[in-house]
Amino acid sequence: MEKVVDCLENAYQEFIDAAAAVLETKASSDCERTAATDAALESFKKKWETFKAACDQAQELVDSVKQRITANTTFPVNEDMIDIFDNSIVDFDD
């Protein structure tokens, strides 16, 4: 689990850094399209795809944990209890 979190954190930081590089490159070229801006945009696109893949991997982990929790219980599990993984809120009133 720690590996997935680290991967997500690294992908997010690289995505943010690539976004900053696009803005800096655009500003330094007076918003003109140049080889540098094209390269920054291409890097941004790749980092976005990497970040999305890391998010998908994290979601798969959450889904797997949810499945294990429900499979290993001997009592009925209220879906609102499982939603804590999605929303960080437990609704015990329903």
PDB file of N, CA and C in Angstrom:
ATOM      1  N   MET A   1       0.822  -1.184   0.000  1.00  0.00           N
ATOM      2  CA  MET A   1       0.000   0.000   0.000  1.00  0.00           C
ATOM      3  C   MET A   1       0.873   1.257   0.000  1.00  0.00           C
ATOM      4  N   GLU A   2       1.934   1.212   0.746  1.00  0.00           N
ATOM      5  CA  GLU A   2       2.831   2.362   0.811  1.00  0.00           C
ATOM      6  C   GLU A   2       3.432   2.662  -0.565  1.00  0.00           C
ATOM      7  N   LYS A   3       3.727   1.611  -1.309  1.00  0.00           N
ATOM      8  CA  LYS A   3       4.283   1.768  -2.655  1.00  0.00           C
ATOM      9  C   LYS A   3       3.301   2.504  -3.566  1.00  0.00           C
ATOM     10  N   VAL A   4       2.017   2.152  -3.466  1.00  0.00           N
ATOM     11  CA  VAL A   4       0.992   2.801  -4.286  1.00  0.00           C
ATOM     12  C   VAL A   4       0.870   4.278  -3.914  1.00  0.00           C
ATOM     13  N   VAL A   5       0.893   4.563  -2.629  1.00  0.00           N
ATOM     14  CA  VAL A   5       0.800   5.953  -2.166  1.00  0.00           C
ATOM     15  C   VAL A   5       2.016   6.752  -2.633  1.00  0.00           C
ATOM     16  N   ASP A   6       3.194   6.167  -2.512  1.00  0.00           N
ATOM     17  CA  ASP A   6       4.413   6.849  -2.966  1.00  0.00           C
ATOM     18  C   ASP A   6       4.368   7.113  -4.472  1.00  0.00           C
ATOM     19  N   CYS A   7       3.902   6.118  -5.221  1.00  0.00           N
ATOM     20  CA  CYS A   7       3.782   6.260  -6.672  1.00  0.00           C
ATOM     21  C   CYS A   7       2.816   7.388  -7.022  1.00  0.00           C
ATOM     22  N   LEU A   8       1.689   7.434  -6.336  1.00  0.00           N
ATOM     23  CA  LEU A   8       0.692   8.485  -6.576  1.00  0.00           C
ATOM     24  C   LEU A   8       1.255   9.851  -6.219  1.00  0.00           C
ATOM     25  N   GLU A   9       1.936   9.928  -5.106  1.00  0.00           N
ATOM     26  CA  GLU A   9       2.529  11.201  -4.675  1.00  0.00           C
ATOM     27  C   GLU A   9       3.579  11.684  -5.681  1.00  0.00           C
ATOM     28  N   ASN A  10       4.433  10.781  -6.133  1.00  0.00           N
ATOM     29  CA  ASN A  10       5.468  11.152  -7.103  1.00  0.00           C
ATOM     30  C   ASN A  10       4.861  11.581  -8.436  1.00  0.00           C
ATOM     31  N   ALA A  11       3.852  10.835  -8.889  1.00  0.00           N
ATOM     32  CA  ALA A  11       3.200  11.181 -10.155  1.00  0.00           C
ATOM     33  C   ALA A  11       2.519  12.539 -10.057  1.00  0.00           C
ATOM     34  N   TYR A  12       1.892  12.810  -8.925  1.00  0.00           N
ATOM     35  CA  TYR A  12       1.241  14.104  -8.723  1.00  0.00           C
ATOM     36  C   TYR A  12       2.266  15.235  -8.754  1.00  0.00           C
ATOM     37  N   GLN A  13       3.367  15.057  -8.046  1.00  0.00           N
ATOM     38  CA  GLN A  13       4.383  16.105  -8.001  1.00  0.00           C
ATOM     39  C   GLN A  13       4.989  16.348  -9.381  1.00  0.00           C
ATOM     40  N   GLU A  14       5.234  15.284 -10.136  1.00  0.00           N
ATOM     41  CA  GLU A  14       5.765  15.436 -11.491  1.00  0.00           C
ATOM     42  C   GLU A  14       4.760  16.144 -12.401  1.00  0.00           C
ATOM     43  N   PHE A  15       3.493  15.850 -12.216  1.00  0.00           N
ATOM     44  CA  PHE A  15       2.432  16.510 -12.988  1.00  0.00           C
ATOM     45  C   PHE A  15       2.393  18.005 -12.680  1.00  0.00           C
ATOM     46  N   ILE A  16       2.464  18.354 -11.413  1.00  0.00           N
ATOM     47  CA  ILE A  16       2.460  19.772 -11.009  1.00  0.00           C
ATOM     48  C   ILE A  16       3.708  20.480 -11.536  1.00  0.00           C
ATOM     49  N   ASP A  17       4.845  19.823 -11.440  1.00  0.00           N
ATOM     50  CA  ASP A  17       6.086  20.407 -11.956  1.00  0.00           C
ATOM     51  C   ASP A  17       6.000  20.631 -13.463  1.00  0.00           C
ATOM     52  N   ALA A  18       5.405  19.685 -14.180  1.00  0.00           N
ATOM     53  CA  ALA A  18       5.253  19.834 -15.632  1.00  0.00           C
ATOM     54  C   ALA A  18       4.307  20.983 -15.961  1.00  0.00           C
ATOM     55  N   ALA A  19       3.258  21.143 -15.173  1.00  0.00           N
ATOM     56  CA  ALA A  19       2.331  22.266 -15.383  1.00  0.00           C
ATOM     57  C   ALA A  19       3.052  23.590 -15.166  1.00  0.00           C
ATOM     58  N   ALA A  20       3.863  23.660 -14.131  1.00  0.00           N
ATOM     59  CA  ALA A  20       4.636  24.879 -13.869  1.00  0.00           C
ATOM     60  C   ALA A  20       5.617  25.150 -15.009  1.00  0.00           C
ATOM     61  N   ALA A  21       6.226  24.098 -15.543  1.00  0.00           N
ATOM     62  CA  ALA A  21       7.174  24.256 -16.652  1.00  0.00           C
ATOM     63  C   ALA A  21       6.471  24.804 -17.890  1.00  0.00           C
ATOM     64  N   VAL A  22       5.242  24.357 -18.141  1.00  0.00           N
ATOM     65  CA  VAL A  22       4.482  24.881 -19.278  1.00  0.00           C
ATOM     66  C   VAL A  22       4.260  26.376 -19.104  1.00  0.00           C
ATOM     67  N   LEU A  23       3.826  26.773 -17.915  1.00  0.00           N
ATOM     68  CA  LEU A  23       3.556  28.198 -17.661  1.00  0.00           C
ATOM     69  C   LEU A  23       4.827  29.038 -17.776  1.00  0.00           C
ATOM     70  N   GLU A  24       5.912  28.524 -17.226  1.00  0.00           N
ATOM     71  CA  GLU A  24       7.185  29.258 -17.294  1.00  0.00           C
ATOM     72  C   GLU A  24       7.681  29.377 -18.734  1.00  0.00           C
ATOM     73  N   THR A  25       7.567  28.293 -19.482  1.00  0.00           N
ATOM     74  CA  THR A  25       8.022  28.299 -20.875  1.00  0.00           C
ATOM     75  C   THR A  25       7.179  29.241 -21.714  1.00  0.00           C
ATOM     76  N   LYS A  26       5.871  29.216 -21.494  1.00  0.00           N
ATOM     77  CA  LYS A  26       4.979  30.129 -22.225  1.00  0.00           C
ATOM     78  C   LYS A  26       5.319  31.575 -21.902  1.00  0.00           C
ATOM     79  N   ALA A  27       5.553  31.855 -20.629  1.00  0.00           N
ATOM     80  CA  ALA A  27       5.867  33.223 -20.217  1.00  0.00           C
ATOM     81  C   ALA A  27       7.191  33.697 -20.806  1.00  0.00           C
ATOM     82  N   SER A  28       8.170  32.812 -20.853  1.00  0.00           N
ATOM     83  CA  SER A  28       9.484  33.213 -21.363  1.00  0.00           C
ATOM     84  C   SER A  28       9.489  33.381 -22.879  1.00  0.00           C
ATOM     85  N   SER A  29       8.482  32.820 -23.557  1.00  0.00           N
ATOM     86  CA  SER A  29       8.420  32.956 -25.015  1.00  0.00           C
ATOM     87  C   SER A  29       7.358  33.974 -25.435  1.00  0.00           C
ATOM     88  N   ASP A  30       6.911  34.795 -24.484  1.00  0.00           N
ATOM     89  CA  ASP A  30       5.862  35.782 -24.747  1.00  0.00           C
ATOM     90  C   ASP A  30       4.625  35.128 -25.356  1.00  0.00           C
ATOM     91  N   CYS A  31       4.290  33.953 -24.835  1.00  0.00           N
ATOM     92  CA  CYS A  31       3.110  33.170 -25.256  1.00  0.00           C
ATOM     93  C   CYS A  31       3.143  32.749 -26.719  1.00  0.00           C
ATOM     94  N   GLU A  32       4.325  32.759 -27.314  1.00  0.00           N
ATOM     95  CA  GLU A  32       4.485  32.274 -28.689  1.00  0.00           C
ATOM     96  C   GLU A  32       4.738  30.776 -28.668  1.00  0.00           C
ATOM     97  N   ARG A  33       4.319  30.119 -29.731  1.00  0.00           N
ATOM     98  CA  ARG A  33       4.583  28.687 -29.850  1.00  0.00           C
ATOM     99  C   ARG A  33       6.012  28.490 -30.342  1.00  0.00           C
ATOM    100  N   THR A  34       6.763  27.759 -29.542  1.00  0.00           N
ATOM    101  CA  THR A  34       8.151  27.464 -29.885  1.00  0.00           C
ATOM    102  C   THR A  34       8.402  25.975 -29.651  1.00  0.00           C
ATOM    103  N   ALA A  35       9.594  25.546 -30.016  1.00  0.00           N
ATOM    104  CA  ALA A  35       9.963  24.145 -29.768  1.00  0.00           C
ATOM    105  C   ALA A  35       9.963  23.862 -28.267  1.00  0.00           C
ATOM    106  N   ALA A  36      10.371  24.851 -27.485  1.00  0.00           N
ATOM    107  CA  ALA A  36      10.414  24.675 -26.028  1.00  0.00           C
ATOM    108  C   ALA A  36       9.000  24.546 -25.454  1.00  0.00           C
ATOM    109  N   THR A  37       8.064  25.364 -25.942  1.00  0.00           N
ATOM    110  CA  THR A  37       6.688  25.259 -25.437  1.00  0.00           C
ATOM    111  C   THR A  37       6.055  23.940 -25.870  1.00  0.00           C
ATOM    112  N   ASP A  38       6.346  23.519 -27.088  1.00  0.00           N
ATOM    113  CA  ASP A  38       5.827  22.230 -27.557  1.00  0.00           C
ATOM    114  C   ASP A  38       6.375  21.081 -26.703  1.00  0.00           C
ATOM    115  N   ALA A  39       7.654  21.141 -26.378  1.00  0.00           N
ATOM    116  CA  ALA A  39       8.265  20.101 -25.551  1.00  0.00           C
ATOM    117  C   ALA A  39       7.674  20.107 -24.144  1.00  0.00           C
ATOM    118  N   ALA A  40       7.448  21.302 -23.601  1.00  0.00           N
ATOM    119  CA  ALA A  40       6.851  21.400 -22.266  1.00  0.00           C
ATOM    120  C   ALA A  40       5.431  20.852 -22.265  1.00  0.00           C
ATOM    121  N   LEU A  41       4.684  21.146 -23.314  1.00  0.00           N
ATOM    122  CA  LEU A  41       3.323  20.627 -23.408  1.00  0.00           C
ATOM    123  C   LEU A  41       3.313  19.111 -23.576  1.00  0.00           C
ATOM    124  N   GLU A  42       4.230  18.583 -24.336  1.00  0.00           N
ATOM    125  CA  GLU A  42       4.316  17.129 -24.512  1.00  0.00           C
ATOM    126  C   GLU A  42       4.675  16.455 -23.191  1.00  0.00           C
ATOM    127  N   SER A  43       5.594  17.043 -22.459  1.00  0.00           N
ATOM    128  CA  SER A  43       5.957  16.504 -21.148  1.00  0.00           C
ATOM    129  C   SER A  43       4.755  16.562 -20.199  1.00  0.00           C
ATOM    130  N   PHE A  44       4.030  17.670 -20.247  1.00  0.00           N
ATOM    131  CA  PHE A  44       2.829  17.831 -19.427  1.00  0.00           C
ATOM    132  C   PHE A  44       1.816  16.730 -19.747  1.00  0.00           C
ATOM    133  N   LYS A  45       1.615  16.459 -21.018  1.00  0.00           N
ATOM    134  CA  LYS A  45       0.673  15.420 -21.434  1.00  0.00           C
ATOM    135  C   LYS A  45       1.103  14.053 -20.895  1.00  0.00           C
ATOM    136  N   LYS A  46       2.391  13.748 -20.993  1.00  0.00           N
ATOM    137  CA  LYS A  46       2.893  12.467 -20.494  1.00  0.00           C
ATOM    138  C   LYS A  46       2.736  12.356 -18.978  1.00  0.00           C
ATOM    139  N   LYS A  47       3.011  13.440 -18.280  1.00  0.00           N
ATOM    140  CA  LYS A  47       2.883  13.429 -16.816  1.00  0.00           C
ATOM    141  C   LYS A  47       1.418  13.301 -16.412  1.00  0.00           C
ATOM    142  N   TRP A  48       0.509  13.905 -17.177  1.00  0.00           N
ATOM    143  CA  TRP A  48      -0.922  13.778 -16.913  1.00  0.00           C
ATOM    144  C   TRP A  48      -1.349  12.311 -17.057  1.00  0.00           C
ATOM    145  N   GLU A  49      -0.887  11.655 -18.119  1.00  0.00           N
ATOM    146  CA  GLU A  49      -1.232  10.254 -18.330  1.00  0.00           C
ATOM    147  C   GLU A  49      -0.661   9.374 -17.210  1.00  0.00           C
ATOM    148  N   THR A  50       0.546   9.675 -16.782  1.00  0.00           N
ATOM    149  CA  THR A  50       1.165   8.928 -15.689  1.00  0.00           C
ATOM    150  C   THR A  50       0.391   9.129 -14.398  1.00  0.00           C
ATOM    151  N   PHE A  51      -0.017  10.359 -14.139  1.00  0.00           N
ATOM    152  CA  PHE A  51      -0.796  10.661 -12.940  1.00  0.00           C
ATOM    153  C   PHE A  51      -2.143   9.927 -12.969  1.00  0.00           C
ATOM    154  N   LYS A  52      -2.816   9.935 -14.122  1.00  0.00           N
ATOM    155  CA  LYS A  52      -4.092   9.222 -14.233  1.00  0.00           C
ATOM    156  C   LYS A  52      -3.900   7.730 -13.977  1.00  0.00           C
ATOM    157  N   ALA A  53      -2.828   7.163 -14.503  1.00  0.00           N
ATOM    158  CA  ALA A  53      -2.552   5.741 -14.286  1.00  0.00           C
ATOM    159  C   ALA A  53      -2.297   5.456 -12.801  1.00  0.00           C
ATOM    160  N   ALA A  54      -1.592   6.348 -12.131  1.00  0.00           N
ATOM    161  CA  ALA A  54      -1.336   6.184 -10.696  1.00  0.00           C
ATOM    162  C   ALA A  54      -2.641   6.282  -9.902  1.00  0.00           C
ATOM    163  N   CYS A  55      -3.532   7.172 -10.317  1.00  0.00           N
ATOM    164  CA  CYS A  55      -4.842   7.282  -9.661  1.00  0.00           C
ATOM    165  C   CYS A  55      -5.651   6.008  -9.865  1.00  0.00           C
ATOM    166  N   ASP A  56      -5.598   5.459 -11.050  1.00  0.00           N
ATOM    167  CA  ASP A  56      -6.303   4.206 -11.331  1.00  0.00           C
ATOM    168  C   ASP A  56      -5.755   3.073 -10.468  1.00  0.00           C
ATOM    169  N   GLN A  57      -4.444   3.026 -10.319  1.00  0.00           N
ATOM    170  CA  GLN A  57      -3.818   2.003  -9.496  1.00  0.00           C
ATOM    171  C   GLN A  57      -4.250   2.151  -8.037  1.00  0.00           C
ATOM    172  N   ALA A  58      -4.292   3.377  -7.542  1.00  0.00           N
ATOM    173  CA  ALA A  58      -4.737   3.612  -6.169  1.00  0.00           C
ATOM    174  C   ALA A  58      -6.200   3.212  -5.999  1.00  0.00           C
ATOM    175  N   GLN A  59      -7.034   3.507  -6.989  1.00  0.00           N
ATOM    176  CA  GLN A  59      -8.443   3.125  -6.922  1.00  0.00           C
ATOM    177  C   GLN A  59      -8.593   1.606  -6.904  1.00  0.00           C
ATOM    178  N   GLU A  60      -7.773   0.915  -7.671  1.00  0.00           N
ATOM    179  CA  GLU A  60      -7.799  -0.550  -7.661  1.00  0.00           C
ATOM    180  C   GLU A  60      -7.444  -1.090  -6.279  1.00  0.00           C
ATOM    181  N   LEU A  61      -6.483  -0.457  -5.614  1.00  0.00           N
ATOM    182  CA  LEU A  61      -6.114  -0.878  -4.269  1.00  0.00           C
ATOM    183  C   LEU A  61      -7.281  -0.668  -3.312  1.00  0.00           C
ATOM    184  N   VAL A  62      -7.920   0.492  -3.382  1.00  0.00           N
ATOM    185  CA  VAL A  62      -9.059   0.773  -2.513  1.00  0.00           C
ATOM    186  C   VAL A  62     -10.176  -0.237  -2.760  1.00  0.00           C
ATOM    187  N   ASP A  63     -10.471  -0.504  -4.021  1.00  0.00           N
ATOM    188  CA  ASP A  63     -11.514  -1.477  -4.352  1.00  0.00           C
ATOM    189  C   ASP A  63     -11.163  -2.870  -3.818  1.00  0.00           C
ATOM    190  N   SER A  64      -9.897  -3.240  -3.916  1.00  0.00           N
ATOM    191  CA  SER A  64      -9.450  -4.538  -3.417  1.00  0.00           C
ATOM    192  C   SER A  64      -9.613  -4.627  -1.905  1.00  0.00           C
ATOM    193  N   VAL A  65      -9.257  -3.575  -1.207  1.00  0.00           N
ATOM    194  CA  VAL A  65      -9.396  -3.561   0.252  1.00  0.00           C
ATOM    195  C   VAL A  65     -10.865  -3.630   0.640  1.00  0.00           C
ATOM    196  N   LYS A  66     -11.708  -2.874  -0.066  1.00  0.00           N
ATOM    197  CA  LYS A  66     -13.139  -2.919   0.210  1.00  0.00           C
ATOM    198  C   LYS A  66     -13.679  -4.337   0.027  1.00  0.00           C
ATOM    199  N   GLN A  67     -13.237  -5.000  -1.029  1.00  0.00           N
ATOM    200  CA  GLN A  67     -13.694  -6.359  -1.300  1.00  0.00           C
ATOM    201  C   GLN A  67     -13.221  -7.321  -0.210  1.00  0.00           C
ATOM    202  N   ARG A  68     -11.977  -7.175   0.226  1.00  0.00           N
ATOM    203  CA  ARG A  68     -11.464  -8.030   1.286  1.00  0.00           C
ATOM    204  C   ARG A  68     -12.211  -7.822   2.592  1.00  0.00           C
ATOM    205  N   ILE A  69     -12.541  -6.573   2.894  1.00  0.00           N
ATOM    206  CA  ILE A  69     -13.271  -6.285   4.132  1.00  0.00           C
ATOM    207  C   ILE A  69     -14.640  -6.950   4.104  1.00  0.00           C
ATOM    208  N   THR A  70     -15.344  -6.795   3.003  1.00  0.00           N
ATOM    209  CA  THR A  70     -16.680  -7.375   2.930  1.00  0.00           C
ATOM    210  C   THR A  70     -16.626  -8.897   2.838  1.00  0.00           C
ATOM    211  N   ALA A  71     -15.589  -9.454   2.240  1.00  0.00           N
ATOM    212  CA  ALA A  71     -15.477 -10.912   2.102  1.00  0.00           C
ATOM    213  C   ALA A  71     -15.099 -11.576   3.421  1.00  0.00           C
ATOM    214  N   ASN A  72     -14.415 -10.856   4.289  1.00  0.00           N
ATOM    215  CA  ASN A  72     -13.928 -11.443   5.534  1.00  0.00           C
ATOM    216  C   ASN A  72     -14.819 -11.167   6.734  1.00  0.00           C
ATOM    217  N   THR A  73     -15.990 -10.627   6.516  1.00  0.00           N
ATOM    218  CA  THR A  73     -16.872 -10.343   7.640  1.00  0.00           C
ATOM    219  C   THR A  73     -17.897 -11.448   7.784  1.00  0.00           C
ATOM    220  N   THR A  74     -18.264 -11.724   9.016  1.00  0.00           N
ATOM    221  CA  THR A  74     -19.278 -12.736   9.278  1.00  0.00           C
ATOM    222  C   THR A  74     -20.621 -12.097   9.615  1.00  0.00           C
ATOM    223  N   PHE A  75     -20.677 -10.781   9.580  1.00  0.00           N
ATOM    224  CA  PHE A  75     -21.916 -10.059   9.852  1.00  0.00           C
ATOM    225  C   PHE A  75     -22.229  -9.180   8.656  1.00  0.00           C
ATOM    226  N   PRO A  76     -23.476  -8.782   8.498  1.00  0.00           N
ATOM    227  CA  PRO A  76     -23.821  -7.914   7.365  1.00  0.00           C
ATOM    228  C   PRO A  76     -23.072  -6.588   7.455  1.00  0.00           C
ATOM    229  N   VAL A  77     -22.502  -6.176   6.350  1.00  0.00           N
ATOM    230  CA  VAL A  77     -21.763  -4.922   6.302  1.00  0.00           C
ATOM    231  C   VAL A  77     -22.626  -3.877   5.608  1.00  0.00           C
ATOM    232  N   ASN A  78     -22.838  -2.787   6.289  1.00  0.00           N
ATOM    233  CA  ASN A  78     -23.598  -1.680   5.742  1.00  0.00           C
ATOM    234  C   ASN A  78     -22.720  -0.964   4.715  1.00  0.00           C
ATOM    235  N   GLU A  79     -23.254  -0.701   3.525  1.00  0.00           N
ATOM    236  CA  GLU A  79     -22.486  -0.024   2.475  1.00  0.00           C
ATOM    237  C   GLU A  79     -21.972   1.331   2.941  1.00  0.00           C
ATOM    238  N   ASP A  80     -22.714   2.011   3.822  1.00  0.00           N
ATOM    239  CA  ASP A  80     -22.261   3.315   4.311  1.00  0.00           C
ATOM    240  C   ASP A  80     -20.962   3.192   5.093  1.00  0.00           C
ATOM    241  N   MET A  81     -20.767   2.048   5.753  1.00  0.00           N
ATOM    242  CA  MET A  81     -19.516   1.833   6.472  1.00  0.00           C
ATOM    243  C   MET A  81     -18.358   1.693   5.486  1.00  0.00           C
ATOM    244  N   ILE A  82     -18.587   1.042   4.361  1.00  0.00           N
ATOM    245  CA  ILE A  82     -17.543   0.843   3.366  1.00  0.00           C
ATOM    246  C   ILE A  82     -17.232   2.156   2.648  1.00  0.00           C
ATOM    247  N   ASP A  83     -18.201   3.038   2.562  1.00  0.00           N
ATOM    248  CA  ASP A  83     -17.999   4.315   1.887  1.00  0.00           C
ATOM    249  C   ASP A  83     -16.948   5.185   2.554  1.00  0.00           C
ATOM    250  N   ILE A  84     -16.488   4.818   3.737  1.00  0.00           N
ATOM    251  CA  ILE A  84     -15.445   5.619   4.378  1.00  0.00           C
ATOM    252  C   ILE A  84     -14.211   5.690   3.503  1.00  0.00           C
ATOM    253  N   PHE A  85     -14.000   4.674   2.656  1.00  0.00           N
ATOM    254  CA  PHE A  85     -12.842   4.705   1.767  1.00  0.00           C
ATOM    255  C   PHE A  85     -13.028   5.731   0.654  1.00  0.00           C
ATOM    256  N   ASP A  86     -14.262   5.969   0.267  1.00  0.00           N
ATOM    257  CA  ASP A  86     -14.526   6.905  -0.814  1.00  0.00           C
ATOM    258  C   ASP A  86     -14.738   8.327  -0.320  1.00  0.00           C
ATOM    259  N   ASN A  87     -15.405   8.481   0.809  1.00  0.00           N
ATOM    260  CA  ASN A  87     -15.822   9.813   1.243  1.00  0.00           C
ATOM    261  C   ASN A  87     -15.321  10.225   2.610  1.00  0.00           C
ATOM    262  N   SER A  88     -14.675   9.348   3.330  1.00  0.00           N
ATOM    263  CA  SER A  88     -14.206   9.601   4.685  1.00  0.00           C
ATOM    264  C   SER A  88     -15.345   9.995   5.612  1.00  0.00           C
ATOM    265  N   ILE A  89     -16.529   9.489   5.339  1.00  0.00           N
ATOM    266  CA  ILE A  89     -17.689   9.760   6.186  1.00  0.00           C
ATOM    267  C   ILE A  89     -18.387   8.429   6.446  1.00  0.00           C
ATOM    268  N   VAL A  90     -18.733   8.199   7.689  1.00  0.00           N
ATOM    269  CA  VAL A  90     -19.474   6.998   8.046  1.00  0.00           C
ATOM    270  C   VAL A  90     -20.860   7.435   8.480  1.00  0.00           C
ATOM    271  N   ASP A  91     -21.886   6.878   7.867  1.00  0.00           N
ATOM    272  CA  ASP A  91     -23.280   7.212   8.194  1.00  0.00           C
ATOM    273  C   ASP A  91     -23.890   6.036   8.934  1.00  0.00           C
ATOM    274  N   PHE A  92     -23.927   6.102  10.251  1.00  0.00           N
ATOM    275  CA  PHE A  92     -24.460   5.013  11.052  1.00  0.00           C
ATOM    276  C   PHE A  92     -25.953   5.163  11.306  1.00  0.00           C
ATOM    277  N   ASP A  93     -26.573   6.253  10.861  1.00  0.00           N
ATOM    278  CA  ASP A  93     -27.985   6.492  11.106  1.00  0.00           C
ATOM    279  C   ASP A  93     -28.902   5.744  10.168  1.00  0.00           C
ATOM    280  N   ASP A  94     -28.439   5.376   9.003  1.00  0.00           N
ATOM    281  CA  ASP A  94     -29.312   4.689   8.020  1.00  0.00           C
ATOM    282  C   ASP A  94     -29.480   3.243   8.309  1.00  0.00           C
TER     283      ASP A  94
END
